[in-house]
C-alpha atoms as a PDB file:
ATOM      1  CA  MET A   1     -11.355   2.304  49.717  1.00  0.00           C
ATOM      2  CA  ASP A   2      -8.441   4.019  51.387  1.00  0.00           C
ATOM      3  CA  ASN A   3      -8.804   7.414  49.756  1.00  0.00           C
ATOM      4  CA  THR A   4      -5.824   9.187  51.279  1.00  0.00           C
ATOM      5  CA  PRO A   5      -4.350  11.208  48.384  1.00  0.00           C
ATOM      6  CA  THR A   6      -1.149   9.880  46.900  1.00  0.00           C
ATOM      7  CA  ALA A   7       2.047  11.844  47.163  1.00  0.00           C
ATOM      8  CA  ALA A   8       3.459  10.761  43.823  1.00  0.00           C
ATOM      9  CA  ALA A   9       3.682  13.334  41.070  1.00  0.00           C
ATOM     10  CA  THR A  10       1.387  12.912  38.107  1.00  0.00           C
ATOM     11  CA  PRO A  11       3.060  12.776  34.691  1.00  0.00           C
ATOM     12  CA  SER A  12       1.594  14.975  31.976  1.00  0.00           C
ATOM     13  CA  LEU A  13       0.631  11.870  30.011  1.00  0.00           C
ATOM     14  CA  PRO A  14       1.350   8.206  30.795  1.00  0.00           C
ATOM     15  CA  HIS A  15       3.025   5.952  28.269  1.00  0.00           C
ATOM     16  CA  PRO A  16       0.604   4.068  26.010  1.00  0.00           C
ATOM     17  CA  VAL A  17      -0.874   0.947  27.628  1.00  0.00           C
ATOM     18  CA  ALA A  18      -2.466  -1.787  25.507  1.00  0.00           C
ATOM     19  CA  GLY A  19      -2.194   0.578  22.561  1.00  0.00           C
ATOM     20  CA  LEU A  20      -4.098   3.335  24.391  1.00  0.00           C
ATOM     21  CA  ARG A  21      -3.142   6.544  26.080  1.00  0.00           C
ATOM     22  CA  PRO A  22      -5.192   9.422  27.508  1.00  0.00           C
ATOM     23  CA  PRO A  23      -6.283  11.943  24.881  1.00  0.00           C
ATOM     24  CA  ASP A  24      -3.670  14.638  24.426  1.00  0.00           C
ATOM     25  CA  THR A  25      -5.817  17.589  25.522  1.00  0.00           C
ATOM     26  CA  ALA A  26      -5.362  20.095  28.314  1.00  0.00           C
ATOM     27  CA  LEU A  27      -8.694  19.099  29.853  1.00  0.00           C
ATOM     28  CA  ALA A  28      -7.826  15.405  29.903  1.00  0.00           C
ATOM     29  CA  ARG A  29      -4.486  16.133  31.562  1.00  0.00           C
ATOM     30  CA  GLN A  30      -6.197  18.337  34.147  1.00  0.00           C
ATOM     31  CA  ALA A  31      -8.808  15.657  34.884  1.00  0.00           C
ATOM     32  CA  MET A  32      -6.142  12.995  35.297  1.00  0.00           C
ATOM     33  CA  ARG A  33      -4.110  15.222  37.603  1.00  0.00           C
ATOM     34  CA  PHE A  34      -7.222  16.057  39.621  1.00  0.00           C
ATOM     35  CA  ALA A  35      -8.134  12.390  40.018  1.00  0.00           C
ATOM     36  CA  ARG A  36      -4.564  11.514  40.986  1.00  0.00           C
ATOM     37  CA  ASP A  37      -4.257  14.342  43.500  1.00  0.00           C
ATOM     38  CA  GLU A  38      -7.584  13.577  45.173  1.00  0.00           C
ATOM     39  CA  SER A  39      -7.447   9.765  45.186  1.00  0.00           C
ATOM     40  CA  SER A  40      -5.497   7.022  46.845  1.00  0.00           C
ATOM     41  CA  GLU A  41      -3.225   4.963  44.624  1.00  0.00           C
ATOM     42  CA  ILE A  42      -5.707   2.081  44.770  1.00  0.00           C
ATOM     43  CA  LEU A  43      -8.579   4.268  43.616  1.00  0.00           C
ATOM     44  CA  PHE A  44      -6.545   6.050  40.938  1.00  0.00           C
ATOM     45  CA  ASN A  45      -5.342   2.762  39.485  1.00  0.00           C
ATOM     46  CA  HIS A  46      -8.940   1.519  39.420  1.00  0.00           C
ATOM     47  CA  VAL A  47     -10.232   4.491  37.432  1.00  0.00           C
ATOM     48  CA  MET A  48      -7.342   4.247  35.000  1.00  0.00           C
ATOM     49  CA  ARG A  49      -7.970   0.529  34.480  1.00  0.00           C
ATOM     50  CA  SER A  50     -11.646   1.340  33.977  1.00  0.00           C
ATOM     51  CA  TYR A  51     -10.771   3.790  31.193  1.00  0.00           C
ATOM     52  CA  HIS A  52      -8.581   1.286  29.402  1.00  0.00           C
ATOM     53  CA  PHE A  53     -11.082  -1.554  29.690  1.00  0.00           C
ATOM     54  CA  GLY A  54     -13.963   0.643  28.515  1.00  0.00           C
ATOM     55  CA  ALA A  55     -12.001   2.013  25.564  1.00  0.00           C
ATOM     56  CA  LEU A  56     -10.787  -1.450  24.571  1.00  0.00           C
ATOM     57  CA  LEU A  57     -14.375  -2.728  24.567  1.00  0.00           C
ATOM     58  CA  LEU A  58     -15.520   0.149  22.359  1.00  0.00           C
ATOM     59  CA  ASP A  59     -12.572  -0.262  20.003  1.00  0.00           C
ATOM     60  CA  ARG A  60     -13.209  -3.999  19.738  1.00  0.00           C
ATOM     61  CA  ALA A  61     -16.829  -3.248  18.788  1.00  0.00           C
ATOM     62  CA  GLY A  62     -15.729  -0.691  16.195  1.00  0.00           C
ATOM     63  CA  ALA A  63     -17.695   2.054  17.930  1.00  0.00           C
ATOM     64  CA  ARG A  64     -17.221   5.726  17.150  1.00  0.00           C
ATOM     65  CA  TYR A  65     -16.918   7.798  20.308  1.00  0.00           C
ATOM     66  CA  ASP A  66     -15.412  10.879  21.910  1.00  0.00           C
ATOM     67  CA  ARG A  67     -12.258   9.624  23.613  1.00  0.00           C
ATOM     68  CA  GLU A  68     -11.868  12.777  25.726  1.00  0.00           C
ATOM     69  CA  LEU A  69     -15.363  12.400  27.197  1.00  0.00           C
ATOM     70  CA  LEU A  70     -14.795   8.717  27.893  1.00  0.00           C
ATOM     71  CA  PHE A  71     -11.475   9.427  29.565  1.00  0.00           C
ATOM     72  CA  ILE A  72     -12.802  12.231  31.744  1.00  0.00           C
ATOM     73  CA  GLY A  73     -15.893  10.272  32.740  1.00  0.00           C
ATOM     74  CA  SER A  74     -13.736   7.280  33.608  1.00  0.00           C
ATOM     75  CA  VAL A  75     -11.058   9.016  35.654  1.00  0.00           C
ATOM     76  CA  LEU A  76     -13.587  11.102  37.604  1.00  0.00           C
ATOM     77  CA  HIS A  77     -16.208   8.380  38.071  1.00  0.00           C
ATOM     78  CA  ASP A  78     -15.351   7.560  41.695  1.00  0.00           C
ATOM     79  CA  LEU A  79     -14.902  11.059  43.122  1.00  0.00           C
ATOM     80  CA  GLY A  80     -17.924  10.312  45.309  1.00  0.00           C
ATOM     81  CA  LEU A  81     -15.748   7.852  47.252  1.00  0.00           C
ATOM     82  CA  VAL A  82     -13.276  10.606  48.130  1.00  0.00           C
ATOM     83  CA  GLU A  83     -13.892  12.061  51.583  1.00  0.00           C
ATOM     84  CA  ARG A  84     -14.133  15.711  50.636  1.00  0.00           C
ATOM     85  CA  PHE A  85     -16.734  15.033  47.932  1.00  0.00           C
ATOM     86  CA  THR A  86     -18.882  12.739  50.093  1.00  0.00           C
ATOM     87  CA  SER A  87     -22.200  14.306  51.082  1.00  0.00           C
ATOM     88  CA  PRO A  88     -24.221  13.263  54.163  1.00  0.00           C
ATOM     89  CA  THR A  89     -27.211  11.937  52.216  1.00  0.00           C
ATOM     90  CA  GLU A  90     -26.573  11.200  48.536  1.00  0.00           C
ATOM     91  CA  ARG A  91     -25.383   7.924  47.037  1.00  0.00           C
ATOM     92  CA  PHE A  92     -21.767   8.102  45.952  1.00  0.00           C
ATOM     93  CA  GLU A  93     -22.488   8.145  42.214  1.00  0.00           C
ATOM     94  CA  LEU A  94     -24.400  11.422  42.550  1.00  0.00           C
ATOM     95  CA  ASP A  95     -21.726  12.959  44.768  1.00  0.00           C
ATOM     96  CA  GLY A  96     -19.130  12.023  42.161  1.00  0.00           C
ATOM     97  CA  ALA A  97     -21.211  13.274  39.242  1.00  0.00           C
ATOM     98  CA  ASP A  98     -21.781  16.605  40.994  1.00  0.00           C
ATOM     99  CA  ALA A  99     -18.072  16.970  41.817  1.00  0.00           C
ATOM    100  CA  ALA A 100     -17.140  16.253  38.194  1.00  0.00           C
ATOM    101  CA  ARG A 101     -19.716  18.777  36.978  1.00  0.00           C
ATOM    102  CA  ARG A 102     -18.214  21.470  39.214  1.00  0.00           C
ATOM    103  CA  PHE A 103     -14.709  20.601  38.005  1.00  0.00           C
ATOM    104  CA  LEU A 104     -15.734  20.900  34.348  1.00  0.00           C
ATOM    105  CA  ARG A 105     -17.832  24.045  34.721  1.00  0.00           C
ATOM    106  CA  GLN A 106     -14.958  25.777  36.468  1.00  0.00           C
ATOM    107  CA  ARG A 107     -12.971  25.150  33.285  1.00  0.00           C
ATOM    108  CA  GLY A 108     -15.624  26.512  30.934  1.00  0.00           C
ATOM    109  CA  VAL A 109     -16.601  23.168  29.387  1.00  0.00           C
ATOM    110  CA  ALA A 110     -19.759  23.325  27.271  1.00  0.00           C
ATOM    111  CA  ASN A 111     -22.855  22.203  29.146  1.00  0.00           C
ATOM    112  CA  ASP A 112     -23.741  19.411  26.719  1.00  0.00           C
ATOM    113  CA  ARG A 113     -20.331  17.814  27.314  1.00  0.00           C
ATOM    114  CA  VAL A 114     -20.600  18.327  31.063  1.00  0.00           C
ATOM    115  CA  GLU A 115     -23.927  16.509  31.082  1.00  0.00           C
ATOM    116  CA  VAL A 116     -22.494  13.508  29.235  1.00  0.00           C
ATOM    117  CA  VAL A 117     -19.869  13.155  31.960  1.00  0.00           C
ATOM    118  CA  TRP A 118     -22.504  13.666  34.675  1.00  0.00           C
ATOM    119  CA  ASP A 119     -24.692  10.916  33.205  1.00  0.00           C
ATOM    120  CA  ALA A 120     -21.730   8.572  32.781  1.00  0.00           C
ATOM    121  CA  ILE A 121     -20.769   8.888  36.435  1.00  0.00           C
ATOM    122  CA  ALA A 122     -24.306   8.876  37.847  1.00  0.00           C
ATOM    123  CA  LEU A 123     -25.183   5.714  35.882  1.00  0.00           C
ATOM    124  CA  HIS A 124     -21.944   3.789  36.147  1.00  0.00           C
ATOM    125  CA  THR A 125     -23.271   1.250  38.682  1.00  0.00           C
ATOM    126  CA  ASN A 126     -26.313   0.510  36.516  1.00  0.00           C
ATOM    127  CA  ALA A 127     -24.770  -1.013  33.417  1.00  0.00           C
ATOM    128  CA  THR A 128     -28.076  -2.123  31.881  1.00  0.00           C
ATOM    129  CA  ILE A 129     -29.350   1.463  31.757  1.00  0.00           C
ATOM    130  CA  ALA A 130     -25.968   2.949  30.819  1.00  0.00           C
ATOM    131  CA  ALA A 131     -25.737   0.500  27.911  1.00  0.00           C
ATOM    132  CA  ARG A 132     -28.762   2.186  26.296  1.00  0.00           C
ATOM    133  CA  LYS A 133     -27.047   5.574  26.349  1.00  0.00           C
ATOM    134  CA  ARG A 134     -24.327   6.995  24.093  1.00  0.00           C
ATOM    135  CA  PRO A 135     -21.047   5.028  23.875  1.00  0.00           C
ATOM    136  CA  GLU A 136     -19.058   7.163  26.311  1.00  0.00           C
ATOM    137  CA  ILE A 137     -21.683   6.679  29.028  1.00  0.00           C
ATOM    138  CA  ALA A 138     -22.010   2.967  28.340  1.00  0.00           C
ATOM    139  CA  ALA A 139     -18.254   2.441  28.377  1.00  0.00           C
ATOM    140  CA  VAL A 140     -17.654   4.118  31.744  1.00  0.00           C
ATOM    141  CA  ALA A 141     -20.046   1.577  33.278  1.00  0.00           C
ATOM    142  CA  ALA A 142     -18.638  -1.283  31.207  1.00  0.00           C
ATOM    143  CA  GLY A 143     -15.010  -0.473  32.006  1.00  0.00           C
ATOM    144  CA  ALA A 144     -15.706  -0.180  35.721  1.00  0.00           C
ATOM    145  CA  GLY A 145     -17.712  -3.408  35.555  1.00  0.00           C
ATOM    146  CA  VAL A 146     -14.759  -5.283  34.064  1.00  0.00           C
ATOM    147  CA  ASP A 147     -12.468  -4.054  36.822  1.00  0.00           C
ATOM    148  CA  VAL A 148     -14.811  -4.509  39.786  1.00  0.00           C
ATOM    149  CA  GLY A 149     -16.439  -7.828  38.974  1.00  0.00           C
ATOM    150  CA  GLY A 150     -14.853  -9.143  35.788  1.00  0.00           C
ATOM    151  CA  ARG A 151     -18.054  -8.565  33.788  1.00  0.00           C
ATOM    152  CA  GLY A 152     -17.021  -8.562  30.112  1.00  0.00           C
ATOM    153  CA  LEU A 153     -13.437  -9.613  30.798  1.00  0.00           C
ATOM    154  CA  GLU A 154     -13.825 -12.516  28.368  1.00  0.00           C
ATOM    155  CA  ASP A 155     -14.357 -10.002  25.548  1.00  0.00           C
ATOM    156  CA  LEU A 156     -10.880  -8.516  25.957  1.00  0.00           C
ATOM    157  CA  ASP A 157      -7.536  -9.759  24.672  1.00  0.00           C
ATOM    158  CA  PRO A 158      -5.709 -11.371  27.636  1.00  0.00           C
ATOM    159  CA  ALA A 159      -2.480  -9.700  26.550  1.00  0.00           C
ATOM    160  CA  ASP A 160      -4.145  -6.272  26.714  1.00  0.00           C
ATOM    161  CA  VAL A 161      -5.596  -7.067  30.134  1.00  0.00           C
ATOM    162  CA  ALA A 162      -2.181  -8.154  31.411  1.00  0.00           C
ATOM    163  CA  GLU A 163      -0.616  -4.929  30.163  1.00  0.00           C
ATOM    164  CA  VAL A 164      -3.273  -2.791  31.870  1.00  0.00           C
ATOM    165  CA  LEU A 165      -2.862  -4.692  35.140  1.00  0.00           C
ATOM    166  CA  ALA A 166       0.912  -4.314  34.995  1.00  0.00           C
ATOM    167  CA  ALA A 167       0.646  -0.559  34.424  1.00  0.00           C
ATOM    168  CA  TYR A 168      -2.065   0.009  37.064  1.00  0.00           C
ATOM    169  CA  PRO A 169      -1.799  -2.815  39.644  1.00  0.00           C
ATOM    170  CA  ARG A 170      -4.760  -3.892  41.751  1.00  0.00           C
ATOM    171  CA  THR A 171      -2.743  -4.097  45.046  1.00  0.00           C
ATOM    172  CA  GLY A 172      -5.511  -4.997  47.479  1.00  0.00           C
ATOM    173  CA  PHE A 173      -8.386  -3.584  45.461  1.00  0.00           C
ATOM    174  CA  LYS A 174     -10.968  -6.234  46.432  1.00  0.00           C
ATOM    175  CA  ARG A 175     -10.661  -5.838  50.207  1.00  0.00           C
ATOM    176  CA  ASP A 176     -10.387  -2.067  49.882  1.00  0.00           C
ATOM    177  CA  ALA A 177     -13.562  -1.920  47.770  1.00  0.00           C
ATOM    178  CA  VAL A 178     -15.592  -3.959  50.258  1.00  0.00           C
ATOM    179  CA  ASP A 179     -14.333  -1.834  53.159  1.00  0.00           C
ATOM    180  CA  THR A 180     -15.415   1.299  51.290  1.00  0.00           C
ATOM    181  CA  VAL A 181     -18.886  -0.099  50.652  1.00  0.00           C
ATOM    182  CA  LEU A 182     -19.298  -0.871  54.338  1.00  0.00           C
ATOM    183  CA  ASP A 183     -18.050   2.583  55.331  1.00  0.00           C
ATOM    184  CA  HIS A 184     -20.702   4.188  53.129  1.00  0.00           C
ATOM    185  CA  CYS A 185     -23.415   1.893  54.444  1.00  0.00           C
ATOM    186  CA  ARG A 186     -22.553   2.872  58.007  1.00  0.00           C
ATOM    187  CA  ARG A 187     -22.255   6.607  57.440  1.00  0.00           C
ATOM    188  CA  LYS A 188     -25.398   7.125  55.288  1.00  0.00           C
ATOM    189  CA  PRO A 189     -27.419   3.924  55.070  1.00  0.00           C
ATOM    190  CA  THR A 190     -30.619   5.469  53.716  1.00  0.00           C
ATOM    191  CA  ALA A 191     -28.739   6.732  50.646  1.00  0.00           C
ATOM    192  CA  TYR A 192     -28.379   3.102  49.573  1.00  0.00           C
ATOM    193  CA  PHE A 193     -32.003   1.965  49.540  1.00  0.00           C
ATOM    194  CA  THR A 194     -32.434  -0.240  46.409  1.00  0.00           C
ATOM    195  CA  HIS A 195     -28.680   0.100  45.782  1.00  0.00           C
ATOM    196  CA  PRO A 196     -26.182  -2.793  45.442  1.00  0.00           C
ATOM    197  CA  PHE A 197     -24.273  -1.484  48.456  1.00  0.00           C
ATOM    198  CA  ALA A 198     -27.254  -2.399  50.650  1.00  0.00           C
ATOM    199  CA  GLU A 199     -26.681  -6.098  49.935  1.00  0.00           C
ATOM    200  CA  VAL A 200     -23.224  -5.840  51.477  1.00  0.00           C
ATOM    201  CA  GLY A 201     -24.546  -3.818  54.399  1.00  0.00           C
ATOM    202  CA  ARG A 202     -27.192  -6.423  55.226  1.00  0.00           C
ATOM    203  CA  ARG A 203     -24.598  -9.194  55.181  1.00  0.00           C
ATOM    204  CA  HIS A 204     -22.043  -7.525  57.440  1.00  0.00           C
ATOM    205  CA  ILE A 205     -23.761  -4.852  59.577  1.00  0.00           C
ATOM    206  CA  PRO A 206     -26.026  -6.047  62.420  1.00  0.00           C
ATOM    207  CA  ASP A 207     -29.507  -4.470  62.364  1.00  0.00           C
ATOM    208  CA  PHE A 208     -28.779  -2.687  59.078  1.00  0.00           C
ATOM    209  CA  ALA A 209     -31.534  -0.082  58.882  1.00  0.00           C
ATOM    210  CA  VAL A 210     -32.248  -0.033  55.139  1.00  0.00           C
ATOM    211  CA  PRO A 211     -35.521  -1.750  54.162  1.00  0.00           C
ATOM    212  CA  THR A 212     -35.880  -4.017  51.164  1.00  0.00           C
ATOM    213  CA  VAL A 213     -38.341  -3.249  48.378  1.00  0.00           C
ATOM    214  CA  GLU A 214     -40.534  -6.001  49.817  1.00  0.00           C
ATOM    215  CA  ASP A 215     -40.557  -4.245  53.194  1.00  0.00           C
ATOM    216  CA  VAL A 216     -41.656  -0.989  51.583  1.00  0.00           C
ATOM    217  CA  VAL A 217     -44.403  -2.626  49.513  1.00  0.00           C
ATOM    218  CA  LEU A 218     -45.858  -4.517  52.474  1.00  0.00           C
ATOM    219  CA  ALA A 219     -45.722  -1.439  54.708  1.00  0.00           C
ATOM    220  CA  ALA A 220     -47.538   0.811  52.230  1.00  0.00           C
ATOM    221  CA  PRO A 221     -50.497   2.578  53.944  1.00  0.00           C
ATOM    222  CA  PHE A 222     -53.213   0.804  51.954  1.00  0.00           C
ATOM    223  CA  PRO A 223     -55.565  -2.000  53.023  1.00  0.00           C
ATOM    224  CA  ASP A 224     -54.409  -4.505  50.386  1.00  0.00           C
END
């Protein structure tokens, strides 16, 4: 994704969208401002849509959850795609989780809450594992999954979806997302062994250097 920070000012709290708004806490406002300042408009709109979709899914299921933790996990979940948080060797989910942990610890957030956010971000591309965790962790993955691939979209009210899309437009999100995947595959291919990004790398990058699981099994240093 084009992760050049936006120049627009961040409001203290957006207007409610689909009956939802960010939790009215200082930490939530700081997290939203941080995500907005560090992200492109495309990326910021994605994380905000992810929050709304995840919260709507939890509300539809009647789940009890900590809305502040869900919001913070959602808006910070793609920090690993931002240039200054991108490490040379780690997959982007871990870079993002580590950046979010630093952000929260600098603000004196209790460690148990920090670790919920860390888990939510680190697991957000593995929805089947995240779904077995507490609701805030599951919903970060679920909300992002709705926005990236439409997984679970049928479980949401079309009117709510339309309102979220109007508030946080997609504006080239698909092409931008694929370009970002390819950029990561080129700059640190070995970070994405057994990762969904590798599938895109193999399709588009000649002589992509990341082995498949089959390659690793067959190359194991044993006689059978």
